[in-house]
Amino acid sequence: MPVRIRLQRHGRRHHPFYYVVVADSRAPRDGRFIERIGSYNPMTNPASVQLDFDKALSWLQKGAQPSDTCRSILSREGVMMYNHLLKGVRKGAFDQATADKKFETWKAEKDVKLRDEAEKTTAEKEKEKAERLAKEKEVNEERAKQLAEKNAELNAAAEAEAKGEEAAEAKEEQAEASEAQAEGEAEVAKEAEAPKAKEDDAKKADDENQKKAEN
């Protein structure tokens, strides 16, 4: 029967997770499978792969055909490369030791490349995080500045209002003092005029009595 190495989808919506399976090509994508040989998570950066190297290689040698995505996964993990080298050994192009040495060299270079990509991704994430934090700090500083300016305006307005009230109270007190002083002066003047009025009345009475006596 035709056998395929393909992905079987799992996970929830918008968060897919895949099993790498060996299945009959006529079976539904997420249906029954012959054997599970690994997993693939595209949601991580870079994508994470867990693969049973020996089982994948064995199925390739039995004639299983990988899907396009699985071919990329097998190439990344070195299964396709090692299978190609084993074909060279069977054809007599080189011996097993040479094939293993070539594969180890390729694997080391591939690991360095993957590590560099991971470090680059991490550096980019750190840079993005630093830029985001710097932007948030700038926004917070601007908000703090605006709040300080608003508080300063409110304090200035409150101080001006307080000074206005103090000035009004002082003016009112001054007016009351002036009024009290005027009343006091009027009272003093009235008291000073009272004896003179009595004296005038007495003089007027004497004049009237004298006129009556003369008559």
Protein backbone atom coordinates (compact mmCIF):
# COMPACT_ATOMS: atom_id res chain seq x y z
CA MET A 1 0.00 0.00 0.00
CA PRO A 2 1.21 3.59 -0.61
CA VAL A 3 2.58 5.03 2.64
CA ARG A 4 3.06 8.70 3.43
CA ILE A 5 4.96 10.56 6.14
CA ARG A 6 2.75 13.52 6.93
CA LEU A 7 1.41 15.80 9.65
CA GLN A 8 -1.66 15.11 11.77
CA ARG A 9 -3.19 18.27 13.24
CA HIS A 10 -3.91 18.67 16.94
CA GLY A 11 -4.23 21.66 19.28
CA ARG A 12 -6.97 24.27 19.54
CA ARG A 13 -8.05 26.91 17.06
CA HIS A 14 -5.29 29.34 16.04
CA HIS A 15 -2.81 27.27 18.12
CA PRO A 16 -2.03 24.22 15.98
CA PHE A 17 0.21 21.39 17.05
CA TYR A 18 1.11 18.50 14.77
CA TYR A 19 2.18 14.88 15.07
CA VAL A 20 4.55 13.51 12.44
CA VAL A 21 2.94 10.21 11.49
CA VAL A 22 3.31 7.38 8.99
CA ALA A 23 -0.08 6.66 7.46
CA ASP A 24 -1.84 5.12 4.49
CA SER A 25 -2.13 7.85 1.85
CA ARG A 26 -5.80 6.93 1.42
CA ALA A 27 -6.61 7.58 5.10
CA PRO A 28 -8.08 10.97 6.19
CA ARG A 29 -5.54 13.57 7.26
CA ASP A 30 -6.43 13.35 10.95
CA GLY A 31 -7.59 9.72 10.83
CA ARG A 32 -5.88 6.46 11.64
CA PHE A 33 -2.11 6.14 11.22
CA ILE A 34 0.43 3.35 11.27
CA GLU A 35 3.02 4.90 13.58
CA ARG A 36 3.81 8.26 15.17
CA ILE A 37 7.45 9.21 14.73
CA GLY A 38 7.58 12.78 16.06
CA SER A 39 5.90 16.13 16.62
CA TYR A 40 6.04 19.62 15.13
CA ASN A 41 5.09 22.90 16.82
CA PRO A 42 5.02 25.90 14.46
CA MET A 43 3.92 28.32 17.21
CA THR A 44 7.41 28.62 18.69
CA ASN A 45 10.13 30.78 17.14
CA PRO A 46 11.97 28.98 15.66
CA ALA A 47 9.54 26.10 15.20
CA SER A 48 10.30 23.15 17.50
CA VAL A 49 10.65 19.60 16.18
CA GLN A 50 10.92 16.28 18.00
CA LEU A 51 11.70 13.37 15.70
CA ASP A 52 12.69 9.74 16.06
CA PHE A 53 15.61 9.81 13.60
CA ASP A 54 15.98 6.04 13.22
CA LYS A 55 12.27 5.39 12.63
CA ALA A 56 12.02 8.22 10.09
CA LEU A 57 15.09 6.89 8.26
CA SER A 58 13.71 3.34 8.33
CA TRP A 59 10.40 4.40 6.79
CA LEU A 60 12.19 6.40 4.09
CA GLN A 61 14.24 3.32 3.19
CA LYS A 62 11.02 1.30 2.99
CA GLY A 63 9.71 3.72 0.36
CA ALA A 64 7.46 6.04 2.43
CA GLN A 65 6.99 9.39 0.69
CA PRO A 66 7.03 12.53 2.88
CA SER A 67 4.69 15.44 2.29
CA ASP A 68 6.28 18.80 1.40
CA THR A 69 6.23 20.03 5.00
CA CYS A 70 7.52 16.74 6.36
CA ARG A 71 10.26 16.71 3.71
CA SER A 72 11.41 20.10 5.04
CA ILE A 73 11.31 18.78 8.61
CA LEU A 74 13.28 15.65 7.69
CA SER A 75 15.80 17.76 5.78
CA ARG A 76 16.23 20.06 8.76
CA GLU A 77 16.83 17.10 11.07
CA GLY A 78 19.30 15.47 8.64
CA VAL A 79 17.23 12.40 7.82
CA MET A 80 17.11 13.17 4.10
CA MET A 81 20.84 13.90 4.06
CA TYR A 82 21.76 10.66 5.82
CA ASN A 83 19.45 8.64 3.57
CA HIS A 84 21.18 10.16 0.55
CA LEU A 85 24.62 9.24 1.96
CA LEU A 86 23.49 5.64 2.60
CA LYS A 87 22.44 5.39 -1.06
CA GLY A 88 26.00 6.42 -1.95
CA VAL A 89 27.37 3.67 0.31
CA ARG A 90 25.11 1.07 -1.34
CA LYS A 91 26.29 2.21 -4.77
CA GLY A 92 29.94 1.98 -3.64
CA ALA A 93 30.70 5.69 -4.00
CA PHE A 94 32.26 5.68 -0.49
CA ASP A 95 32.27 3.56 2.62
CA GLN A 96 30.14 3.81 5.78
CA ALA A 97 32.87 5.60 7.77
CA THR A 98 33.15 8.31 5.11
CA ALA A 99 29.36 8.66 5.04
CA ASP A 100 29.25 9.04 8.83
CA LYS A 101 32.07 11.60 8.76
CA LYS A 102 30.32 13.63 6.06
CA PHE A 103 27.09 13.50 7.99
CA GLU A 104 28.76 14.60 11.25
CA THR A 105 30.37 17.53 9.43
CA TRP A 106 27.04 18.52 7.90
CA LYS A 107 25.25 18.11 11.23
CA ALA A 108 27.78 20.30 13.04
CA GLU A 109 27.43 23.06 10.44
CA LYS A 110 23.64 22.74 10.59
CA ASP A 111 23.65 22.97 14.39
CA VAL A 112 25.80 26.11 14.25
CA LYS A 113 23.42 27.65 11.74
CA LEU A 114 20.36 26.79 13.82
CA ARG A 115 22.05 28.12 16.96
CA ASP A 116 22.94 31.37 15.18
CA GLU A 117 19.35 31.73 13.99
CA ALA A 118 18.07 31.11 17.52
CA GLU A 119 20.51 33.65 18.98
CA LYS A 120 19.53 36.15 16.30
CA THR A 121 15.87 35.62 17.10
CA THR A 122 16.57 36.04 20.82
CA ALA A 123 18.57 39.21 20.18
CA GLU A 124 15.77 40.61 18.03
CA LYS A 125 13.25 39.82 20.76
CA GLU A 126 15.43 41.49 23.38
CA LYS A 127 15.87 44.53 21.15
CA GLU A 128 12.14 44.71 20.51
CA LYS A 129 11.46 44.37 24.24
CA ALA A 130 13.97 47.13 25.06
CA GLU A 131 12.45 49.43 22.44
CA ARG A 132 8.96 48.72 23.78
CA LEU A 133 10.07 49.43 27.35
CA ALA A 134 11.80 52.63 26.27
CA LYS A 135 8.66 53.75 24.46
CA GLU A 136 6.50 52.93 27.48
CA LYS A 137 8.93 54.85 29.71
CA GLU A 138 8.77 57.84 27.38
CA VAL A 139 4.96 57.74 27.40
CA ASN A 140 4.90 57.46 31.20
CA GLU A 141 7.31 60.37 31.56
CA GLU A 142 5.17 62.47 29.23
CA ARG A 143 2.05 61.60 31.21
CA ALA A 144 3.84 62.43 34.48
CA LYS A 145 4.96 65.76 33.01
CA GLN A 146 1.42 66.61 31.89
CA LEU A 147 0.06 65.62 35.29
CA ALA A 148 2.66 67.76 37.07
CA GLU A 149 1.80 70.74 34.84
CA LYS A 150 -1.91 70.24 35.51
CA ASN A 151 -1.31 70.01 39.26
CA ALA A 152 0.84 73.16 39.11
CA GLU A 153 -1.96 75.00 37.31
CA LEU A 154 -4.51 73.79 39.87
CA ASN A 155 -2.23 74.82 42.75
CA ALA A 156 -1.64 78.25 41.18
CA ALA A 157 -5.38 78.73 40.70
CA ALA A 158 -6.04 77.68 44.31
CA GLU A 159 -3.36 80.06 45.59
CA ALA A 160 -4.76 82.91 43.48
CA GLU A 161 -8.26 82.20 44.78
CA ALA A 162 -6.99 82.10 48.36
CA LYS A 163 -5.15 85.40 47.88
CA GLY A 164 -8.29 86.91 46.36
CA GLU A 165 -10.35 85.80 49.34
CA GLU A 166 -7.74 87.19 51.75
CA ALA A 167 -7.71 90.50 49.87
CA ALA A 168 -11.52 90.66 49.94
CA GLU A 169 -11.57 89.90 53.67
CA ALA A 170 -8.90 92.52 54.32
CA LYS A 171 -10.85 95.08 52.27
CA GLU A 172 -14.05 94.23 54.13
CA GLU A 173 -12.29 94.52 57.49
CA GLN A 174 -10.80 97.86 56.42
CA ALA A 175 -14.25 99.11 55.39
CA GLU A 176 -15.74 97.99 58.70
CA ALA A 177 -12.91 99.70 60.59
CA SER A 178 -13.41 102.92 58.59
CA GLU A 179 -17.15 102.81 59.25
CA ALA A 180 -16.59 102.20 62.97
CA GLN A 181 -14.10 105.07 63.05
CA ALA A 182 -16.56 107.38 61.31
CA GLU A 183 -19.31 106.42 63.75
CA GLY A 184 -16.95 107.04 66.67
CA GLU A 185 -15.95 110.45 65.34
CA ALA A 186 -19.62 111.36 64.81
CA GLU A 187 -20.42 110.29 68.38
CA VAL A 188 -17.54 112.34 69.75
CA ALA A 189 -18.64 115.36 67.72
CA LYS A 190 -22.20 114.93 68.96
CA GLU A 191 -21.03 114.73 72.56
CA ALA A 192 -18.87 117.83 72.04
CA GLU A 193 -21.81 119.80 70.63
CA ALA A 194 -24.20 118.85 73.47
CA PRO A 195 -22.80 121.31 76.16
CA LYS A 196 -22.73 124.14 73.65
CA ALA A 197 -26.36 123.52 72.77
CA LYS A 198 -27.28 123.59 76.48
CA GLU A 199 -25.36 126.82 76.89
CA ASP A 200 -27.17 128.38 73.95
CA ASP A 201 -30.52 127.27 75.33
CA ALA A 202 -29.67 128.76 78.73
CA LYS A 203 -28.56 132.03 77.16
CA LYS A 204 -31.71 132.15 75.09
CA ALA A 205 -33.85 131.59 78.20
CA ASP A 206 -32.04 134.40 80.06
CA ASP A 207 -32.61 136.77 77.17
CA GLU A 208 -36.30 135.96 77.13
CA ASN A 209 -36.56 136.49 80.91
CA GLN A 210 -34.77 139.82 80.66
CA LYS A 211 -37.14 141.00 77.92
CA LYS A 212 -40.12 140.01 80.05
CA ALA A 213 -38.69 141.95 83.04
CA GLU A 214 -38.16 145.11 80.97
CA ASN A 215 -41.73 144.98 79.75
